């Protein structure tokens, strides 16, 4: 009976840690999306000013 209780506690701990990791990944995903949104306009400007016109020759 003690083994069953111990295994149940381990499973509950694992589930708690799993849920915590999922929440942390969700927050990280939101931060990455925010940074990408902030960088998108800057990347478009860089592409236009970095000499994207074909060279005449």
PDB file of N, CA and C in Angstrom:
ATOM      1  N   UNK A   1       0.823  -1.201   0.000  1.00  0.00           N
ATOM      2  CA  UNK A   1       0.000   0.000   0.000  1.00  0.00           C
ATOM      3  C   UNK A   1       0.864   1.261   0.000  1.00  0.00           C
ATOM      4  N   UNK A   2       1.995   1.193   0.696  1.00  0.00           N
ATOM      5  CA  UNK A   2       2.890   2.336   0.745  1.00  0.00           C
ATOM      6  C   UNK A   2       3.474   2.636  -0.632  1.00  0.00           C
ATOM      7  N   UNK A   3       3.767   1.582  -1.397  1.00  0.00           N
ATOM      8  CA  UNK A   3       4.300   1.781  -2.751  1.00  0.00           C
ATOM      9  C   UNK A   3       3.280   2.460  -3.648  1.00  0.00           C
ATOM     10  N   UNK A   4       2.025   2.063  -3.520  1.00  0.00           N
ATOM     11  CA  UNK A   4       0.975   2.679  -4.333  1.00  0.00           C
ATOM     12  C   UNK A   4       0.812   4.149  -4.023  1.00  0.00           C
ATOM     13  N   UNK A   5       0.890   4.490  -2.762  1.00  0.00           N
ATOM     14  CA  UNK A   5       0.774   5.892  -2.342  1.00  0.00           C
ATOM     15  C   UNK A   5       1.986   6.694  -2.836  1.00  0.00           C
ATOM     16  N   UNK A   6       3.153   6.089  -2.746  1.00  0.00           N
ATOM     17  CA  UNK A   6       4.379   6.742  -3.213  1.00  0.00           C
ATOM     18  C   UNK A   6       4.323   6.986  -4.720  1.00  0.00           C
ATOM     19  N   UNK A   7       3.848   5.995  -5.455  1.00  0.00           N
ATOM     20  CA  UNK A   7       3.737   6.150  -6.910  1.00  0.00           C
ATOM     21  C   UNK A   7       2.721   7.218  -7.274  1.00  0.00           C
ATOM     22  N   UNK A   8       1.624   7.268  -6.526  1.00  0.00           N
ATOM     23  CA  UNK A   8       0.613   8.287  -6.777  1.00  0.00           C
ATOM     24  C   UNK A   8       1.184   9.678  -6.529  1.00  0.00           C
ATOM     25  N   UNK A   9       1.932   9.821  -5.450  1.00  0.00           N
ATOM     26  CA  UNK A   9       2.555  11.115  -5.156  1.00  0.00           C
ATOM     27  C   UNK A   9       3.551  11.504  -6.240  1.00  0.00           C
ATOM     28  N   UNK A  10       4.320  10.550  -6.733  1.00  0.00           N
ATOM     29  CA  UNK A  10       5.266  10.834  -7.810  1.00  0.00           C
ATOM     30  C   UNK A  10       4.541  11.268  -9.080  1.00  0.00           C
ATOM     31  N   UNK A  11       3.431  10.596  -9.386  1.00  0.00           N
ATOM     32  CA  UNK A  11       2.652  10.966 -10.569  1.00  0.00           C
ATOM     33  C   UNK A  11       2.047  12.354 -10.430  1.00  0.00           C
ATOM     34  N   UNK A  12       1.556  12.663  -9.250  1.00  0.00           N
ATOM     35  CA  UNK A  12       0.985  13.996  -9.022  1.00  0.00           C
ATOM     36  C   UNK A  12       2.058  15.072  -9.127  1.00  0.00           C
ATOM     37  N   UNK A  13       3.249  14.778  -8.602  1.00  0.00           N
ATOM     38  CA  UNK A  13       4.356  15.721  -8.711  1.00  0.00           C
ATOM     39  C   UNK A  13       4.755  15.919 -10.170  1.00  0.00           C
ATOM     40  N   UNK A  14       4.825  14.830 -10.896  1.00  0.00           N
ATOM     41  CA  UNK A  14       5.171  14.901 -12.316  1.00  0.00           C
ATOM     42  C   UNK A  14       4.133  15.707 -13.092  1.00  0.00           C
ATOM     43  N   UNK A  15       2.872  15.502 -12.792  1.00  0.00           N
ATOM     44  CA  UNK A  15       1.814  16.250 -13.475  1.00  0.00           C
ATOM     45  C   UNK A  15       1.899  17.744 -13.156  1.00  0.00           C
ATOM     46  N   UNK A  16       2.189  18.068 -11.912  1.00  0.00           N
ATOM     47  CA  UNK A  16       2.342  19.470 -11.515  1.00  0.00           C
ATOM     48  C   UNK A  16       3.512  20.119 -12.249  1.00  0.00           C
ATOM     49  N   UNK A  17       4.633  19.410 -12.301  1.00  0.00           N
ATOM     50  CA  UNK A  17       5.799  19.935 -13.015  1.00  0.00           C
ATOM     51  C   UNK A  17       5.515  20.082 -14.501  1.00  0.00           C
ATOM     52  N   UNK A  18       4.778  19.138 -15.066  1.00  0.00           N
ATOM     53  CA  UNK A  18       4.423  19.188 -16.480  1.00  0.00           C
ATOM     54  C   UNK A  18       3.558  20.413 -16.766  1.00  0.00           C
ATOM     55  N   UNK A  19       2.559  20.653 -15.926  1.00  0.00           N
ATOM     56  CA  UNK A  19       1.697  21.823 -16.102  1.00  0.00           C
ATOM     57  C   UNK A  19       2.500  23.120 -15.975  1.00  0.00           C
ATOM     58  N   UNK A  20       3.431  23.155 -15.041  1.00  0.00           N
ATOM     59  CA  UNK A  20       4.275  24.334 -14.875  1.00  0.00           C
ATOM     60  C   UNK A  20       5.111  24.577 -16.124  1.00  0.00           C
ATOM     61  N   UNK A  21       5.687  23.526 -16.671  1.00  0.00           N
ATOM     62  CA  UNK A  21       6.478  23.676 -17.895  1.00  0.00           C
ATOM     63  C   UNK A  21       5.628  24.153 -19.068  1.00  0.00           C
ATOM     64  N   UNK A  22       4.409  23.642 -19.177  1.00  0.00           N
ATOM     65  CA  UNK A  22       3.525  24.085 -20.253  1.00  0.00           C
ATOM     66  C   UNK A  22       3.202  25.569 -20.122  1.00  0.00           C
ATOM     67  N   UNK A  23       2.973  26.025 -18.901  1.00  0.00           N
ATOM     68  CA  UNK A  23       2.700  27.448 -18.683  1.00  0.00           C
ATOM     69  C   UNK A  23       3.917  28.296 -19.032  1.00  0.00           C
ATOM     70  N   UNK A  24       5.092  27.825 -18.627  1.00  0.00           N
ATOM     71  CA  UNK A  24       6.320  28.564 -18.931  1.00  0.00           C
ATOM     72  C   UNK A  24       6.577  28.612 -20.433  1.00  0.00           C
ATOM     73  N   UNK A  25       6.311  27.519 -21.132  1.00  0.00           N
ATOM     74  CA  UNK A  25       6.479  27.501 -22.584  1.00  0.00           C
ATOM     75  C   UNK A  25       5.503  28.444 -23.264  1.00  0.00           C
ATOM     76  N   UNK A  26       4.280  28.515 -22.750  1.00  0.00           N
ATOM     77  CA  UNK A  26       3.284  29.423 -23.307  1.00  0.00           C
ATOM     78  C   UNK A  26       3.737  30.875 -23.140  1.00  0.00           C
ATOM     79  N   UNK A  27       4.258  31.209 -21.962  1.00  0.00           N
ATOM     80  CA  UNK A  27       4.762  32.556 -21.734  1.00  0.00           C
ATOM     81  C   UNK A  27       5.951  32.863 -22.646  1.00  0.00           C
ATOM     82  N   UNK A  28       6.842  31.905 -22.807  1.00  0.00           N
ATOM     83  CA  UNK A  28       7.985  32.092 -23.696  1.00  0.00           C
ATOM     84  C   UNK A  28       7.537  32.292 -25.134  1.00  0.00           C
ATOM     85  N   UNK A  29       6.549  31.529 -25.561  1.00  0.00           N
ATOM     86  CA  UNK A  29       6.009  31.668 -26.912  1.00  0.00           C
ATOM     87  C   UNK A  29       5.445  33.067 -27.122  1.00  0.00           C
ATOM     88  N   UNK A  30       4.748  33.588 -26.121  1.00  0.00           N
ATOM     89  CA  UNK A  30       4.198  34.946 -26.217  1.00  0.00           C
ATOM     90  C   UNK A  30       5.313  35.974 -26.312  1.00  0.00           C
ATOM     91  N   UNK A  31       6.382  35.786 -25.521  1.00  0.00           N
ATOM     92  CA  UNK A  31       7.504  36.727 -25.574  1.00  0.00           C
ATOM     93  C   UNK A  31       8.195  36.690 -26.930  1.00  0.00           C
ATOM     94  N   UNK A  32       8.382  35.505 -27.486  1.00  0.00           N
ATOM     95  CA  UNK A  32       9.018  35.368 -28.797  1.00  0.00           C
ATOM     96  C   UNK A  32       8.155  36.039 -29.867  1.00  0.00           C
ATOM     97  N   UNK A  33       6.858  35.821 -29.815  1.00  0.00           N
ATOM     98  CA  UNK A  33       5.959  36.440 -30.785  1.00  0.00           C
ATOM     99  C   UNK A  33       6.016  37.960 -30.681  1.00  0.00           C
ATOM    100  N   UNK A  34       6.101  38.483 -29.458  1.00  0.00           N
ATOM    101  CA  UNK A  34       6.186  39.926 -29.267  1.00  0.00           C
ATOM    102  C   UNK A  34       7.480  40.486 -29.863  1.00  0.00           C
ATOM    103  N   UNK A  35       8.587  39.807 -29.623  1.00  0.00           N
ATOM    104  CA  UNK A  35       9.867  40.265 -30.167  1.00  0.00           C
ATOM    105  C   UNK A  35       9.846  40.213 -31.687  1.00  0.00           C
ATOM    106  N   UNK A  36       9.274  39.158 -32.257  1.00  0.00           N
ATOM    107  CA  UNK A  36       9.192  39.058 -33.713  1.00  0.00           C
ATOM    108  C   UNK A  36       8.349  40.183 -34.300  1.00  0.00           C
ATOM    109  N   UNK A  37       7.245  40.516 -33.635  1.00  0.00           N
ATOM    110  CA  UNK A  37       6.405  41.627 -34.114  1.00  0.00           C
ATOM    111  C   UNK A  37       7.179  42.932 -34.068  1.00  0.00           C
ATOM    112  N   UNK A  38       7.979  43.122 -33.019  1.00  0.00           N
ATOM    113  CA  UNK A  38       8.761  44.354 -32.903  1.00  0.00           C
ATOM    114  C   UNK A  38       9.854  44.422 -33.957  1.00  0.00           C
ATOM    115  N   UNK A  39      10.396  43.299 -34.343  1.00  0.00           N
ATOM    116  CA  UNK A  39      11.506  43.275 -35.297  1.00  0.00           C
ATOM    117  C   UNK A  39      11.032  43.324 -36.749  1.00  0.00           C
ATOM    118  N   UNK A  40       9.830  42.906 -37.035  1.00  0.00           N
ATOM    119  CA  UNK A  40       9.350  42.847 -38.412  1.00  0.00           C
ATOM    120  C   UNK A  40       9.443  44.195 -39.134  1.00  0.00           C
ATOM    121  N   UNK A  41       8.945  45.301 -38.562  1.00  0.00           N
ATOM    122  CA  UNK A  41       9.074  46.579 -39.286  1.00  0.00           C
ATOM    123  C   UNK A  41      10.533  46.960 -39.509  1.00  0.00           C
ATOM    124  N   UNK A  42      11.394  46.690 -38.556  1.00  0.00           N
ATOM    125  CA  UNK A  42      12.807  47.022 -38.697  1.00  0.00           C
ATOM    126  C   UNK A  42      13.442  46.195 -39.811  1.00  0.00           C
ATOM    127  N   UNK A  43      13.075  44.949 -39.925  1.00  0.00           N
ATOM    128  CA  UNK A  43      13.635  44.101 -40.974  1.00  0.00           C
ATOM    129  C   UNK A  43      13.192  44.588 -42.342  1.00  0.00           C
ATOM    130  N   UNK A  44      11.956  45.043 -42.482  1.00  0.00           N
ATOM    131  CA  UNK A  44      11.482  45.542 -43.768  1.00  0.00           C
ATOM    132  C   UNK A  44      12.258  46.787 -44.165  1.00  0.00           C
ATOM    133  N   UNK A  45      12.516  47.680 -43.191  1.00  0.00           N
ATOM    134  CA  UNK A  45      13.279  48.890 -43.472  1.00  0.00           C
ATOM    135  C   UNK A  45      14.708  48.553 -43.885  1.00  0.00           C
ATOM    136  N   UNK A  46      15.312  47.591 -43.243  1.00  0.00           N
ATOM    137  CA  UNK A  46      16.685  47.195 -43.556  1.00  0.00           C
ATOM    138  C   UNK A  46      16.748  46.659 -44.984  1.00  0.00           C
ATOM    139  N   UNK A  47      15.782  45.879 -45.376  1.00  0.00           N
ATOM    140  CA  UNK A  47      15.767  45.328 -46.723  1.00  0.00           C
ATOM    141  C   UNK A  47      15.656  46.405 -47.785  1.00  0.00           C
ATOM    142  N   UNK A  48      14.956  47.473 -47.488  1.00  0.00           N
ATOM    143  CA  UNK A  48      14.780  48.541 -48.460  1.00  0.00           C
ATOM    144  C   UNK A  48      16.001  49.441 -48.554  1.00  0.00           C
ATOM    145  N   UNK A  49      16.750  49.566 -47.467  1.00  0.00           N
ATOM    146  CA  UNK A  49      17.892  50.484 -47.474  1.00  0.00           C
ATOM    147  C   UNK A  49      19.221  49.759 -47.685  1.00  0.00           C
ATOM    148  N   UNK A  50      19.200  48.459 -47.798  1.00  0.00           N
ATOM    149  CA  UNK A  50      20.453  47.711 -47.891  1.00  0.00           C
ATOM    150  C   UNK A  50      20.887  47.487 -49.328  1.00  0.00           C
ATOM    151  N   UNK A  51      20.412  48.289 -50.260  1.00  0.00           N
ATOM    152  CA  UNK A  51      20.850  48.133 -51.653  1.00  0.00           C
ATOM    153  C   UNK A  51      20.186  46.972 -52.348  1.00  0.00           C
ATOM    154  N   UNK A  52      18.889  46.918 -52.297  1.00  0.00           N
ATOM    155  CA  UNK A  52      18.181  45.813 -52.925  1.00  0.00           C
ATOM    156  C   UNK A  52      17.949  46.062 -54.421  1.00  0.00           C
ATOM    157  N   UNK A  53      18.353  47.231 -54.888  1.00  0.00           N
ATOM    158  CA  UNK A  53      18.189  47.523 -56.310  1.00  0.00           C
ATOM    159  C   UNK A  53      19.265  46.788 -57.103  1.00  0.00           C
ATOM    160  N   UNK A  54      18.928  46.299 -58.281  1.00  0.00           N
ATOM    161  CA  UNK A  54      19.928  45.603 -59.088  1.00  0.00           C
ATOM    162  C   UNK A  54      21.027  46.549 -59.553  1.00  0.00           C
ATOM    163  N   UNK A  55      22.232  46.046 -59.622  1.00  0.00           N
ATOM    164  CA  UNK A  55      23.359  46.849 -60.074  1.00  0.00           C
ATOM    165  C   UNK A  55      23.268  47.079 -61.576  1.00  0.00           C
ATOM    166  N   UNK A  56      23.586  48.308 -61.994  1.00  0.00           N
ATOM    167  CA  UNK A  56      23.555  48.593 -63.439  1.00  0.00           C
ATOM    168  C   UNK A  56      24.910  48.213 -64.026  1.00  0.00           C
ATOM    169  N   UNK A  57      24.875  47.688 -65.199  1.00  0.00           N
ATOM    170  CA  UNK A  57      26.165  47.280 -65.741  1.00  0.00           C
ATOM    171  C   UNK A  57      26.118  47.163 -67.157  1.00  0.00           C
TER     172      UNK A  57
END
